[in-house]
Amino acid sequence: MLEAIRRAISVLRQRQILHKLGVAISVTVIGIACYVLYHMLRGIDVGEVIEAIKGTEPRSIALAALFVAAGYFTLTFYDLFAVRAIGRNDIPYRINALAAFSSYSIGHNVGASVFTGGAVRYRIYSAWGLNAIDVAKICFLAGLTFWLGNAAVLGLGIAYHPEAAAAIDQLPPWFNRLAAFAIIIALVAYVVWVWTRPRNVGRGPWTVGLPGGPLTLLQIAIGIVDLGFCALAMYELVPDEPNLGFVVVAVIFVSATLLGFASHSPGGLGVFDAAMLVGLWQMDREDLLAGMLLFRLLYYLAPFVISVILLTFREVILSARLKRLPRVTPGAGAEPKREAVYVRERGDTGS
């Protein structure tokens, strides 16, 4: 059965059907989102939105900022986990943290995060002797943590409150609950599958060893905590609505985030916003839009600026250290390339 699925996927890849299908899905999602957003934003009073932003309590903004910071802190464990999983225990946490924070904050804003985030990670990890295949494995394992966490949050959240998802997908609550149970069953089946014996995916040098059962549970926990902090940040910024608790907002937020991710638009722009406006239709539109703009400022713009500054300083420092290294005469026993990049990153001038 698995071999048949692999052959089918291989044929689809060779004919670029998967790529074309992915592009078609992205364009469709963006098109629908733009249509919905246009109708949702008609009649919006910009002045009221600005007043709602000004009227947001500083305490709520501070708490949201704290939750965003906690979410990005949790993101650093995506890379820490992935790097340890491929056997590179020598790479310190500070490098994992820089790679995770920079790749996600830049990838979120630029779009096509798989490629932009991978490029940022390669620039950082290559200084520690990792090649493109190693970085691809890290990206895969980090992405796996993300999707496992999303599956757990959506499965449990929709099973508990199926009406929240129904606000976005317009499907009956009973159908959403069945889908949630299917997600939970698939998640449990995956954990059992990797728990029974070591599992690998890929071929040749691209082979990746999947984390076993206990480590997979850790992956799920990391993903849940990350999404939980992000949802708490949004919950602090949206208007208070007595009938909408944290679980409802969290389910709608995660669903909107996944739709934005599927569109590959920078920051899910348009898609995320349309899904939030549709899902939280009970809230005042101006107040909700104000909260979403503040969330974008805290979660997207501020980390993006910080990561660009950090990477710029890193490049300047490494360039300065490299210039201080003693030049080696050709044929006189030059250092191996791997040792040279270690010297650059660790700051050892060789003196």
C-alpha atoms as a PDB file:
ATOM      1  CA  MET A   1       0.000   0.000   0.000  1.00  0.00           C
ATOM      2  CA  LEU A   2       2.718   2.473   1.020  1.00  0.00           C
ATOM      3  CA  GLU A   3       4.813   1.527  -2.018  1.00  0.00           C
ATOM      4  CA  ALA A   4       1.853   2.163  -4.312  1.00  0.00           C
ATOM      5  CA  ILE A   5       1.359   5.603  -2.757  1.00  0.00           C
ATOM      6  CA  ARG A   6       5.071   6.381  -3.197  1.00  0.00           C
ATOM      7  CA  ARG A   7       4.953   5.366  -6.867  1.00  0.00           C
ATOM      8  CA  ALA A   8       1.868   7.496  -7.452  1.00  0.00           C
ATOM      9  CA  ILE A   9       3.535  10.519  -5.813  1.00  0.00           C
ATOM     10  CA  SER A  10       6.684   9.933  -7.891  1.00  0.00           C
ATOM     11  CA  VAL A  11       4.655   9.941 -11.125  1.00  0.00           C
ATOM     12  CA  LEU A  12       2.846  13.114 -10.068  1.00  0.00           C
ATOM     13  CA  ARG A  13       6.164  14.810  -9.324  1.00  0.00           C
ATOM     14  CA  GLN A  14       7.698  13.786 -12.644  1.00  0.00           C
ATOM     15  CA  ARG A  15       4.780  15.316 -14.505  1.00  0.00           C
ATOM     16  CA  GLN A  16       4.821  18.395 -12.240  1.00  0.00           C
ATOM     17  CA  ILE A  17       1.185  17.753 -11.411  1.00  0.00           C
ATOM     18  CA  LEU A  18       1.739  18.387  -7.698  1.00  0.00           C
ATOM     19  CA  HIS A  19       3.419  21.721  -8.438  1.00  0.00           C
ATOM     20  CA  LYS A  20       0.617  22.820 -10.773  1.00  0.00           C
ATOM     21  CA  LEU A  21      -1.991  21.656  -8.287  1.00  0.00           C
ATOM     22  CA  GLY A  22      -0.278  23.602  -5.501  1.00  0.00           C
ATOM     23  CA  VAL A  23      -0.206  26.773  -7.616  1.00  0.00           C
ATOM     24  CA  ALA A  24      -3.870  26.311  -8.538  1.00  0.00           C
ATOM     25  CA  ILE A  25      -4.847  25.890  -4.886  1.00  0.00           C
ATOM     26  CA  SER A  26      -2.853  28.978  -3.857  1.00  0.00           C
ATOM     27  CA  VAL A  27      -4.398  31.133  -6.583  1.00  0.00           C
ATOM     28  CA  THR A  28      -7.890  29.854  -5.736  1.00  0.00           C
ATOM     29  CA  VAL A  29      -7.464  30.534  -2.019  1.00  0.00           C
ATOM     30  CA  ILE A  30      -6.119  34.038  -2.662  1.00  0.00           C
ATOM     31  CA  GLY A  31      -8.893  34.791  -5.174  1.00  0.00           C
ATOM     32  CA  ILE A  32     -11.667  33.699  -2.807  1.00  0.00           C
ATOM     33  CA  ALA A  33     -10.041  35.582   0.071  1.00  0.00           C
ATOM     34  CA  CYS A  34      -9.792  38.810  -1.945  1.00  0.00           C
ATOM     35  CA  TYR A  35     -13.456  38.536  -2.937  1.00  0.00           C
ATOM     36  CA  VAL A  36     -14.548  37.902   0.660  1.00  0.00           C
ATOM     37  CA  LEU A  37     -12.259  40.613   2.032  1.00  0.00           C
ATOM     38  CA  TYR A  38     -13.611  43.147  -0.450  1.00  0.00           C
ATOM     39  CA  HIS A  39     -17.174  42.511   0.674  1.00  0.00           C
ATOM     40  CA  MET A  40     -16.259  42.370   4.364  1.00  0.00           C
ATOM     41  CA  LEU A  41     -14.374  45.681   4.276  1.00  0.00           C
ATOM     42  CA  ARG A  42     -16.975  47.641   2.330  1.00  0.00           C
ATOM     43  CA  GLY A  43     -18.323  50.354   4.528  1.00  0.00           C
ATOM     44  CA  ILE A  44     -15.459  50.144   7.015  1.00  0.00           C
ATOM     45  CA  ASP A  45     -14.841  53.460   8.737  1.00  0.00           C
ATOM     46  CA  VAL A  46     -11.076  53.970   8.756  1.00  0.00           C
ATOM     47  CA  GLY A  47     -11.408  56.655  11.408  1.00  0.00           C
ATOM     48  CA  GLU A  48     -13.130  54.204  13.756  1.00  0.00           C
ATOM     49  CA  VAL A  49     -10.376  51.646  13.155  1.00  0.00           C
ATOM     50  CA  ILE A  50      -7.727  54.219  14.088  1.00  0.00           C
ATOM     51  CA  GLU A  51      -9.709  55.219  17.179  1.00  0.00           C
ATOM     52  CA  ALA A  52     -10.048  51.544  18.144  1.00  0.00           C
ATOM     53  CA  ILE A  53      -6.270  51.126  17.868  1.00  0.00           C
ATOM     54  CA  LYS A  54      -5.698  54.210  20.018  1.00  0.00           C
ATOM     55  CA  GLY A  55      -8.284  52.991  22.498  1.00  0.00           C
ATOM     56  CA  THR A  56      -6.715  49.578  22.995  1.00  0.00           C
ATOM     57  CA  GLU A  57      -5.565  49.203  26.583  1.00  0.00           C
ATOM     58  CA  PRO A  58      -1.772  49.320  27.005  1.00  0.00           C
ATOM     59  CA  ARG A  59      -2.080  46.295  29.300  1.00  0.00           C
ATOM     60  CA  SER A  60      -3.617  44.232  26.463  1.00  0.00           C
ATOM     61  CA  ILE A  61      -0.887  45.298  24.039  1.00  0.00           C
ATOM     62  CA  ALA A  62       1.823  44.493  26.602  1.00  0.00           C
ATOM     63  CA  LEU A  63       0.330  41.052  27.303  1.00  0.00           C
ATOM     64  CA  ALA A  64      -0.010  40.346  23.582  1.00  0.00           C
ATOM     65  CA  ALA A  65       3.625  41.360  23.047  1.00  0.00           C
ATOM     66  CA  LEU A  66       4.645  39.044  25.899  1.00  0.00           C
ATOM     67  CA  PHE A  67       2.713  36.136  24.362  1.00  0.00           C
ATOM     68  CA  VAL A  68       4.267  36.834  20.946  1.00  0.00           C
ATOM     69  CA  ALA A  69       7.740  36.816  22.518  1.00  0.00           C
ATOM     70  CA  ALA A  70       6.898  33.528  24.263  1.00  0.00           C
ATOM     71  CA  GLY A  71       5.690  32.109  20.955  1.00  0.00           C
ATOM     72  CA  TYR A  72       8.918  33.000  19.177  1.00  0.00           C
ATOM     73  CA  PHE A  73      10.876  31.598  22.111  1.00  0.00           C
ATOM     74  CA  THR A  74       9.005  28.326  21.645  1.00  0.00           C
ATOM     75  CA  LEU A  75       9.841  28.435  17.924  1.00  0.00           C
ATOM     76  CA  THR A  76      13.532  28.210  18.789  1.00  0.00           C
ATOM     77  CA  PHE A  77      12.917  24.685  20.070  1.00  0.00           C
ATOM     78  CA  TYR A  78      11.745  23.672  16.580  1.00  0.00           C
ATOM     79  CA  ASP A  79      15.320  24.067  15.365  1.00  0.00           C
ATOM     80  CA  LEU A  80      16.919  22.799  18.559  1.00  0.00           C
ATOM     81  CA  PHE A  81      14.875  19.613  18.262  1.00  0.00           C
ATOM     82  CA  ALA A  82      15.552  19.215  14.521  1.00  0.00           C
ATOM     83  CA  VAL A  83      19.316  19.803  14.798  1.00  0.00           C
ATOM     84  CA  ARG A  84      19.597  17.297  17.645  1.00  0.00           C
ATOM     85  CA  ALA A  85      17.508  14.823  15.642  1.00  0.00           C
ATOM     86  CA  ILE A  86      20.054  14.812  12.787  1.00  0.00           C
ATOM     87  CA  GLY A  87      22.867  14.190  15.252  1.00  0.00           C
ATOM     88  CA  ARG A  88      24.508  17.632  15.462  1.00  0.00           C
ATOM     89  CA  ASN A  89      24.626  18.047  19.234  1.00  0.00           C
ATOM     90  CA  ASP A  90      27.686  20.296  18.944  1.00  0.00           C
ATOM     91  CA  ILE A  91      25.711  23.252  17.601  1.00  0.00           C
ATOM     92  CA  PRO A  92      24.810  25.503  20.554  1.00  0.00           C
ATOM     93  CA  TYR A  93      21.305  26.640  21.360  1.00  0.00           C
ATOM     94  CA  ARG A  94      22.094  30.280  20.543  1.00  0.00           C
ATOM     95  CA  ILE A  95      22.683  29.292  16.898  1.00  0.00           C
ATOM     96  CA  ASN A  96      19.441  27.275  16.829  1.00  0.00           C
ATOM     97  CA  ALA A  97      17.603  30.241  18.330  1.00  0.00           C
ATOM     98  CA  LEU A  98      19.016  32.710  15.788  1.00  0.00           C
ATOM     99  CA  ALA A  99      18.252  30.386  12.866  1.00  0.00           C
ATOM    100  CA  ALA A 100      14.694  29.673  14.002  1.00  0.00           C
ATOM    101  CA  PHE A 101      13.804  33.257  14.910  1.00  0.00           C
ATOM    102  CA  SER A 102      15.315  34.737  11.744  1.00  0.00           C
ATOM    103  CA  SER A 103      13.986  32.116   9.332  1.00  0.00           C
ATOM    104  CA  TYR A 104      10.438  32.246  10.659  1.00  0.00           C
ATOM    105  CA  SER A 105      10.187  36.018  11.081  1.00  0.00           C
ATOM    106  CA  ILE A 106      11.575  36.625   7.572  1.00  0.00           C
ATOM    107  CA  GLY A 107       9.677  33.726   6.017  1.00  0.00           C
ATOM    108  CA  HIS A 108       6.398  34.926   7.543  1.00  0.00           C
ATOM    109  CA  ASN A 109       6.796  38.358   5.943  1.00  0.00           C
ATOM    110  CA  VAL A 110       8.379  37.547   2.596  1.00  0.00           C
ATOM    111  CA  GLY A 111       6.144  34.556   1.828  1.00  0.00           C
ATOM    112  CA  ALA A 112       7.017  31.116   0.428  1.00  0.00           C
ATOM    113  CA  SER A 113       8.492  30.425   3.853  1.00  0.00           C
ATOM    114  CA  VAL A 114       9.765  26.986   2.844  1.00  0.00           C
ATOM    115  CA  PHE A 115      12.294  28.613   0.492  1.00  0.00           C
ATOM    116  CA  THR A 116      13.007  31.919   2.234  1.00  0.00           C
ATOM    117  CA  GLY A 117      13.265  30.306   5.665  1.00  0.00           C
ATOM    118  CA  GLY A 118      15.469  27.567   4.224  1.00  0.00           C
ATOM    119  CA  ALA A 119      17.811  30.125   2.680  1.00  0.00           C
ATOM    120  CA  VAL A 120      18.192  31.959   5.999  1.00  0.00           C
ATOM    121  CA  ARG A 121      18.827  28.701   7.840  1.00  0.00           C
ATOM    122  CA  TYR A 122      21.448  27.653   5.291  1.00  0.00           C
ATOM    123  CA  ARG A 123      23.308  30.955   5.675  1.00  0.00           C
ATOM    124  CA  ILE A 124      23.514  30.432   9.441  1.00  0.00           C
ATOM    125  CA  TYR A 125      24.072  26.675   9.660  1.00  0.00           C
ATOM    126  CA  SER A 126      26.586  26.486   6.810  1.00  0.00           C
ATOM    127  CA  ALA A 127      29.016  28.314   9.117  1.00  0.00           C
ATOM    128  CA  TRP A 128      28.849  25.211  11.308  1.00  0.00           C
ATOM    129  CA  GLY A 129      29.631  22.757   8.555  1.00  0.00           C
ATOM    130  CA  LEU A 130      26.074  21.817   7.582  1.00  0.00           C
ATOM    131  CA  ASN A 131      25.374  21.360   3.889  1.00  0.00           C
ATOM    132  CA  ALA A 132      22.176  21.915   1.913  1.00  0.00           C
ATOM    133  CA  ILE A 133      20.917  18.392   2.599  1.00  0.00           C
ATOM    134  CA  ASP A 134      21.396  18.832   6.351  1.00  0.00           C
ATOM    135  CA  VAL A 135      19.496  22.123   6.275  1.00  0.00           C
ATOM    136  CA  ALA A 136      16.716  20.532   4.207  1.00  0.00           C
ATOM    137  CA  LYS A 137      16.369  17.842   6.877  1.00  0.00           C
ATOM    138  CA  ILE A 138      16.181  20.507   9.590  1.00  0.00           C
ATOM    139  CA  CYS A 139      13.476  22.339   7.652  1.00  0.00           C
ATOM    140  CA  PHE A 140      11.550  19.090   7.215  1.00  0.00           C
ATOM    141  CA  LEU A 141      11.691  18.177  10.904  1.00  0.00           C
ATOM    142  CA  ALA A 142      10.810  21.722  11.992  1.00  0.00           C
ATOM    143  CA  GLY A 143       7.891  21.723   9.572  1.00  0.00           C
ATOM    144  CA  LEU A 144       6.793  18.342  10.901  1.00  0.00           C
ATOM    145  CA  THR A 145       6.685  19.806  14.422  1.00  0.00           C
ATOM    146  CA  PHE A 146       4.580  22.695  13.118  1.00  0.00           C
ATOM    147  CA  TRP A 147       2.063  20.440  11.369  1.00  0.00           C
ATOM    148  CA  LEU A 148       1.807  17.984  14.251  1.00  0.00           C
ATOM    149  CA  GLY A 149       1.046  20.864  16.597  1.00  0.00           C
ATOM    150  CA  ASN A 150      -1.538  22.268  14.189  1.00  0.00           C
ATOM    151  CA  ALA A 151      -3.193  18.883  13.825  1.00  0.00           C
ATOM    152  CA  ALA A 152      -3.407  18.476  17.603  1.00  0.00           C
ATOM    153  CA  VAL A 153      -4.806  21.978  18.204  1.00  0.00           C
ATOM    154  CA  LEU A 154      -7.323  21.793  15.369  1.00  0.00           C
ATOM    155  CA  GLY A 155      -8.383  18.232  16.160  1.00  0.00           C
ATOM    156  CA  LEU A 156      -8.941  18.841  19.862  1.00  0.00           C
ATOM    157  CA  GLY A 157     -10.354  22.360  19.407  1.00  0.00           C
ATOM    158  CA  ILE A 158     -12.846  21.476  16.675  1.00  0.00           C
ATOM    159  CA  ALA A 159     -13.906  18.302  18.473  1.00  0.00           C
ATOM    160  CA  TYR A 160     -14.679  20.432  21.542  1.00  0.00           C
ATOM    161  CA  HIS A 161     -16.296  23.333  19.647  1.00  0.00           C
ATOM    162  CA  PRO A 162     -17.154  22.365  16.016  1.00  0.00           C
ATOM    163  CA  GLU A 163     -19.208  25.534  15.535  1.00  0.00           C
ATOM    164  CA  ALA A 164     -15.996  27.577  15.520  1.00  0.00           C
ATOM    165  CA  ALA A 165     -14.721  25.861  12.372  1.00  0.00           C
ATOM    166  CA  ALA A 166     -18.199  25.963  10.834  1.00  0.00           C
ATOM    167  CA  ALA A 167     -18.002  29.762  10.856  1.00  0.00           C
ATOM    168  CA  ILE A 168     -15.134  29.526   8.328  1.00  0.00           C
ATOM    169  CA  ASP A 169     -15.781  26.411   6.234  1.00  0.00           C
ATOM    170  CA  GLN A 170     -19.604  26.770   6.317  1.00  0.00           C
ATOM    171  CA  LEU A 171     -19.980  23.029   6.928  1.00  0.00           C
ATOM    172  CA  PRO A 172     -22.355  21.445   9.460  1.00  0.00           C
ATOM    173  CA  PRO A 173     -20.926  21.217  12.997  1.00  0.00           C
ATOM    174  CA  TRP A 174     -21.420  17.425  13.049  1.00  0.00           C
ATOM    175  CA  PHE A 175     -19.286  17.090   9.916  1.00  0.00           C
ATOM    176  CA  ASN A 176     -16.546  19.261  11.428  1.00  0.00           C
ATOM    177  CA  ARG A 177     -16.590  17.153  14.600  1.00  0.00           C
ATOM    178  CA  LEU A 178     -16.223  13.959  12.525  1.00  0.00           C
ATOM    179  CA  ALA A 179     -13.315  15.565  10.658  1.00  0.00           C
ATOM    180  CA  ALA A 180     -11.753  16.523  13.998  1.00  0.00           C
ATOM    181  CA  PHE A 181     -12.022  12.950  15.272  1.00  0.00           C
ATOM    182  CA  ALA A 182     -10.431  11.770  12.003  1.00  0.00           C
ATOM    183  CA  ILE A 183      -7.523  14.179  12.573  1.00  0.00           C
ATOM    184  CA  ILE A 184      -7.069  12.936  16.146  1.00  0.00           C
ATOM    185  CA  ILE A 185      -7.193   9.283  15.041  1.00  0.00           C
ATOM    186  CA  ALA A 186      -4.637   9.963  12.292  1.00  0.00           C
ATOM    187  CA  LEU A 187      -2.391  11.724  14.805  1.00  0.00           C
ATOM    188  CA  VAL A 188      -2.609   8.825  17.252  1.00  0.00           C
ATOM    189  CA  ALA A 189      -1.964   6.356  14.425  1.00  0.00           C
ATOM    190  CA  TYR A 190       1.154   8.289  13.413  1.00  0.00           C
ATOM    191  CA  VAL A 191       2.476   8.273  16.980  1.00  0.00           C
ATOM    192  CA  VAL A 192       1.891   4.509  17.225  1.00  0.00           C
ATOM    193  CA  TRP A 193       3.523   4.006  13.814  1.00  0.00           C
ATOM    194  CA  VAL A 194       6.768   5.770  14.769  1.00  0.00           C
ATOM    195  CA  TRP A 195       6.708   4.218  18.253  1.00  0.00           C
ATOM    196  CA  THR A 196       6.758   0.576  17.111  1.00  0.00           C
ATOM    197  CA  ARG A 197      10.129   0.741  15.320  1.00  0.00           C
ATOM    198  CA  PRO A 198      12.497   3.279  13.695  1.00  0.00           C
ATOM    199  CA  ARG A 199      10.980   4.913  10.612  1.00  0.00           C
ATOM    200  CA  ASN A 200      12.712   6.702   7.762  1.00  0.00           C
ATOM    201  CA  VAL A 201      11.485   8.807   4.866  1.00  0.00           C
ATOM    202  CA  GLY A 202      13.354   9.785   1.717  1.00  0.00           C
ATOM    203  CA  ARG A 203      16.070   8.013  -0.226  1.00  0.00           C
ATOM    204  CA  GLY A 204      19.848   8.019  -0.312  1.00  0.00           C
ATOM    205  CA  PRO A 205      21.457  11.080   1.288  1.00  0.00           C
ATOM    206  CA  TRP A 206      17.998  12.647   1.633  1.00  0.00           C
ATOM    207  CA  THR A 207      16.875   9.964   4.089  1.00  0.00           C
ATOM    208  CA  VAL A 208      15.504  11.437   7.317  1.00  0.00           C
ATOM    209  CA  GLY A 209      14.985   9.389  10.446  1.00  0.00           C
ATOM    210  CA  LEU A 210      11.621  10.243  11.958  1.00  0.00           C
ATOM    211  CA  PRO A 211      11.596  10.881  15.728  1.00  0.00           C
ATOM    212  CA  GLY A 212      10.298   7.942  17.764  1.00  0.00           C
ATOM    213  CA  GLY A 213       7.133   7.885  19.863  1.00  0.00           C
ATOM    214  CA  PRO A 214       8.311   9.825  22.940  1.00  0.00           C
ATOM    215  CA  LEU A 215      10.070  12.455  20.813  1.00  0.00           C
ATOM    216  CA  THR A 216       6.993  12.785  18.591  1.00  0.00           C
ATOM    217  CA  LEU A 217       4.916  13.532  21.677  1.00  0.00           C
ATOM    218  CA  LEU A 218       7.491  16.195  22.519  1.00  0.00           C
ATOM    219  CA  GLN A 219       7.119  17.606  18.993  1.00  0.00           C
ATOM    220  CA  ILE A 220       3.350  17.793  19.430  1.00  0.00           C
ATOM    221  CA  ALA A 221       3.744  19.506  22.801  1.00  0.00           C
ATOM    222  CA  ILE A 222       6.127  22.112  21.330  1.00  0.00           C
ATOM    223  CA  GLY A 223       3.706  22.825  18.495  1.00  0.00           C
ATOM    224  CA  ILE A 224       0.727  23.147  20.841  1.00  0.00           C
ATOM    225  CA  VAL A 225       2.564  25.551  23.161  1.00  0.00           C
ATOM    226  CA  ASP A 226       3.702  27.693  20.214  1.00  0.00           C
ATOM    227  CA  LEU A 227       0.223  27.983  18.728  1.00  0.00           C
ATOM    228  CA  GLY A 228      -1.269  28.493  22.178  1.00  0.00           C
ATOM    229  CA  PHE A 229       0.894  31.554  22.825  1.00  0.00           C
ATOM    230  CA  CYS A 230       0.078  33.003  19.393  1.00  0.00           C
ATOM    231  CA  ALA A 231      -3.644  32.448  19.921  1.00  0.00           C
ATOM    232  CA  LEU A 232      -3.422  34.088  23.355  1.00  0.00           C
ATOM    233  CA  ALA A 233      -1.797  37.139  21.753  1.00  0.00           C
ATOM    234  CA  MET A 234      -4.658  37.429  19.273  1.00  0.00           C
ATOM    235  CA  TYR A 235      -7.225  36.803  22.005  1.00  0.00           C
ATOM    236  CA  GLU A 236      -5.855  39.727  24.000  1.00  0.00           C
ATOM    237  CA  LEU A 237      -6.223  42.089  21.031  1.00  0.00           C
ATOM    238  CA  VAL A 238      -9.644  41.182  19.637  1.00  0.00           C
ATOM    239  CA  PRO A 239     -12.801  42.751  21.126  1.00  0.00           C
ATOM    240  CA  ASP A 240     -14.394  41.122  24.162  1.00  0.00           C
ATOM    241  CA  GLU A 241     -17.376  39.005  23.178  1.00  0.00           C
ATOM    242  CA  PRO A 242     -19.219  37.169  25.972  1.00  0.00           C
ATOM    243  CA  ASN A 243     -20.214  34.219  23.765  1.00  0.00           C
ATOM    244  CA  LEU A 244     -16.736  33.705  22.303  1.00  0.00           C
ATOM    245  CA  GLY A 245     -14.206  32.095  24.605  1.00  0.00           C
ATOM    246  CA  PHE A 246     -10.531  31.427  24.056  1.00  0.00           C
ATOM    247  CA  VAL A 247     -11.099  28.015  22.413  1.00  0.00           C
ATOM    248  CA  VAL A 248     -13.309  29.527  19.698  1.00  0.00           C
ATOM    249  CA  VAL A 249     -10.811  32.294  18.934  1.00  0.00           C
ATOM    250  CA  ALA A 250      -7.932  29.774  18.970  1.00  0.00           C
ATOM    251  CA  VAL A 251      -9.650  27.414  16.488  1.00  0.00           C
ATOM    252  CA  ILE A 252     -10.513  30.262  14.130  1.00  0.00           C
ATOM    253  CA  PHE A 253      -7.028  31.761  14.492  1.00  0.00           C
ATOM    254  CA  VAL A 254      -5.254  28.463  13.698  1.00  0.00           C
ATOM    255  CA  SER A 255      -7.613  27.788  10.765  1.00  0.00           C
ATOM    256  CA  ALA A 256      -6.971  31.278   9.381  1.00  0.00           C
ATOM    257  CA  THR A 257      -3.224  30.825   9.859  1.00  0.00           C
ATOM    258  CA  LEU A 258      -3.245  27.548   7.910  1.00  0.00           C
ATOM    259  CA  LEU A 259      -5.255  29.116   5.087  1.00  0.00           C
ATOM    260  CA  GLY A 260      -2.751  31.963   4.944  1.00  0.00           C
ATOM    261  CA  PHE A 261       0.103  29.460   4.920  1.00  0.00           C
ATOM    262  CA  ALA A 262      -1.532  27.510   2.075  1.00  0.00           C
ATOM    263  CA  SER A 263      -1.841  30.690  -0.011  1.00  0.00           C
ATOM    264  CA  HIS A 264       1.922  31.395   0.240  1.00  0.00           C
ATOM    265  CA  SER A 265       1.138  35.108   0.339  1.00  0.00           C
ATOM    266  CA  PRO A 266       3.438  37.220   2.550  1.00  0.00           C
ATOM    267  CA  GLY A 267       2.133  36.929   6.102  1.00  0.00           C
ATOM    268  CA  GLY A 268      -1.026  35.309   4.748  1.00  0.00           C
ATOM    269  CA  LEU A 269      -1.999  38.853   3.780  1.00  0.00           C
ATOM    270  CA  GLY A 270      -5.626  38.997   2.713  1.00  0.00           C
ATOM    271  CA  VAL A 271      -6.304  35.302   3.288  1.00  0.00           C
ATOM    272  CA  PHE A 272      -5.674  35.310   7.044  1.00  0.00           C
ATOM    273  CA  ASP A 273      -7.599  38.561   7.444  1.00  0.00           C
ATOM    274  CA  ALA A 274     -10.605  37.376   5.450  1.00  0.00           C
ATOM    275  CA  ALA A 275     -10.801  34.129   7.422  1.00  0.00           C
ATOM    276  CA  MET A 276     -10.640  35.995  10.737  1.00  0.00           C
ATOM    277  CA  LEU A 277     -13.332  38.471   9.680  1.00  0.00           C
ATOM    278  CA  VAL A 278     -15.607  35.658   8.508  1.00  0.00           C
ATOM    279  CA  GLY A 279     -14.959  33.419  11.506  1.00  0.00           C
ATOM    280  CA  LEU A 280     -15.435  36.172  14.089  1.00  0.00           C
ATOM    281  CA  TRP A 281     -18.422  37.803  12.412  1.00  0.00           C
ATOM    282  CA  GLN A 282     -20.055  38.476  15.810  1.00  0.00           C
ATOM    283  CA  MET A 283     -17.422  41.075  16.667  1.00  0.00           C
ATOM    284  CA  ASP A 284     -17.472  44.715  15.641  1.00  0.00           C
ATOM    285  CA  ARG A 285     -15.573  44.863  12.359  1.00  0.00           C
ATOM    286  CA  GLU A 286     -13.666  48.059  13.111  1.00  0.00           C
ATOM    287  CA  ASP A 287     -12.568  46.794  16.531  1.00  0.00           C
ATOM    288  CA  LEU A 288     -11.621  43.375  15.132  1.00  0.00           C
ATOM    289  CA  LEU A 289      -9.647  44.960  12.286  1.00  0.00           C
ATOM    290  CA  ALA A 290      -7.821  47.149  14.802  1.00  0.00           C
ATOM    291  CA  GLY A 291      -6.840  44.088  16.841  1.00  0.00           C
ATOM    292  CA  MET A 292      -5.637  42.275  13.723  1.00  0.00           C
ATOM    293  CA  LEU A 293      -3.494  45.246  12.675  1.00  0.00           C
ATOM    294  CA  LEU A 294      -1.924  45.390  16.125  1.00  0.00           C
ATOM    295  CA  PHE A 295      -1.262  41.646  15.950  1.00  0.00           C
ATOM    296  CA  ARG A 296       0.469  42.059  12.581  1.00  0.00           C
ATOM    297  CA  LEU A 297       2.627  44.808  14.070  1.00  0.00           C
ATOM    298  CA  LEU A 298       3.655  42.637  17.025  1.00  0.00           C
ATOM    299  CA  TYR A 299       3.923  39.241  15.342  1.00  0.00           C
ATOM    300  CA  TYR A 300       5.113  40.123  11.834  1.00  0.00           C
ATOM    301  CA  LEU A 301       6.637  43.583  11.526  1.00  0.00           C
ATOM    302  CA  ALA A 302       8.536  43.920  14.830  1.00  0.00           C
ATOM    303  CA  PRO A 303      10.237  40.456  14.682  1.00  0.00           C
ATOM    304  CA  PHE A 304      11.070  41.051  11.005  1.00  0.00           C
ATOM    305  CA  VAL A 305      12.890  44.291  11.804  1.00  0.00           C
ATOM    306  CA  ILE A 306      14.696  42.693  14.761  1.00  0.00           C
ATOM    307  CA  SER A 307      15.796  39.667  12.717  1.00  0.00           C
ATOM    308  CA  VAL A 308      17.124  41.844   9.873  1.00  0.00           C
ATOM    309  CA  ILE A 309      19.134  43.881  12.397  1.00  0.00           C
ATOM    310  CA  LEU A 310      20.495  40.719  14.047  1.00  0.00           C
ATOM    311  CA  LEU A 311      21.508  39.150  10.744  1.00  0.00           C
ATOM    312  CA  THR A 312      23.125  42.402   9.594  1.00  0.00           C
ATOM    313  CA  PHE A 313      25.209  42.651  12.780  1.00  0.00           C
ATOM    314  CA  ARG A 314      26.138  38.968  12.453  1.00  0.00           C
ATOM    315  CA  GLU A 315      27.386  39.439   8.894  1.00  0.00           C
ATOM    316  CA  VAL A 316      29.379  42.532   9.862  1.00  0.00           C
ATOM    317  CA  ILE A 317      30.993  40.771  12.850  1.00  0.00           C
ATOM    318  CA  LEU A 318      31.828  37.615  10.883  1.00  0.00           C
ATOM    319  CA  SER A 319      33.262  39.666   8.040  1.00  0.00           C
ATOM    320  CA  ALA A 320      35.477  41.576  10.469  1.00  0.00           C
ATOM    321  CA  ARG A 321      36.686  38.359  12.109  1.00  0.00           C
ATOM    322  CA  LEU A 322      37.404  36.764   8.752  1.00  0.00           C
ATOM    323  CA  LYS A 323      39.584  39.731   7.759  1.00  0.00           C
ATOM    324  CA  ARG A 324      41.634  39.273  10.930  1.00  0.00           C
ATOM    325  CA  LEU A 325      42.389  35.622  10.104  1.00  0.00           C
ATOM    326  CA  PRO A 326      45.990  35.025   8.945  1.00  0.00           C
ATOM    327  CA  ARG A 327      46.237  34.459   5.213  1.00  0.00           C
ATOM    328  CA  VAL A 328      47.441  31.029   4.121  1.00  0.00           C
ATOM    329  CA  THR A 329      49.895  30.698   1.236  1.00  0.00           C
ATOM    330  CA  PRO A 330      48.569  28.318  -1.468  1.00  0.00           C
ATOM    331  CA  GLY A 331      50.115  24.860  -1.128  1.00  0.00           C
ATOM    332  CA  ALA A 332      51.289  25.538   2.426  1.00  0.00           C
ATOM    333  CA  GLY A 333      48.700  23.338   4.091  1.00  0.00           C
ATOM    334  CA  ALA A 334      45.566  25.448   4.141  1.00  0.00           C
ATOM    335  CA  GLU A 335      42.960  24.717   6.759  1.00  0.00           C
ATOM    336  CA  PRO A 336      40.031  22.545   5.751  1.00  0.00           C
ATOM    337  CA  LYS A 337      36.974  24.545   4.758  1.00  0.00           C
ATOM    338  CA  ARG A 338      34.931  23.179   7.637  1.00  0.00           C
ATOM    339  CA  GLU A 339      37.493  24.332  10.205  1.00  0.00           C
ATOM    340  CA  ALA A 340      37.590  27.772   8.612  1.00  0.00           C
ATOM    341  CA  VAL A 341      33.873  28.322   8.937  1.00  0.00           C
ATOM    342  CA  TYR A 342      34.002  27.142  12.560  1.00  0.00           C
ATOM    343  CA  VAL A 343      36.636  29.806  13.225  1.00  0.00           C
ATOM    344  CA  ARG A 344      34.409  32.438  11.668  1.00  0.00           C
ATOM    345  CA  GLU A 345      31.341  31.562  13.726  1.00  0.00           C
ATOM    346  CA  ARG A 346      33.041  30.975  17.052  1.00  0.00           C
ATOM    347  CA  GLY A 347      35.105  34.135  16.861  1.00  0.00           C
ATOM    348  CA  ASP A 348      38.511  32.459  17.205  1.00  0.00           C
ATOM    349  CA  THR A 349      41.027  34.691  15.465  1.00  0.00           C
ATOM    350  CA  GLY A 350      43.772  32.107  15.682  1.00  0.00           C
ATOM    351  CA  SER A 351      46.046  34.347  17.740  1.00  0.00           C
END
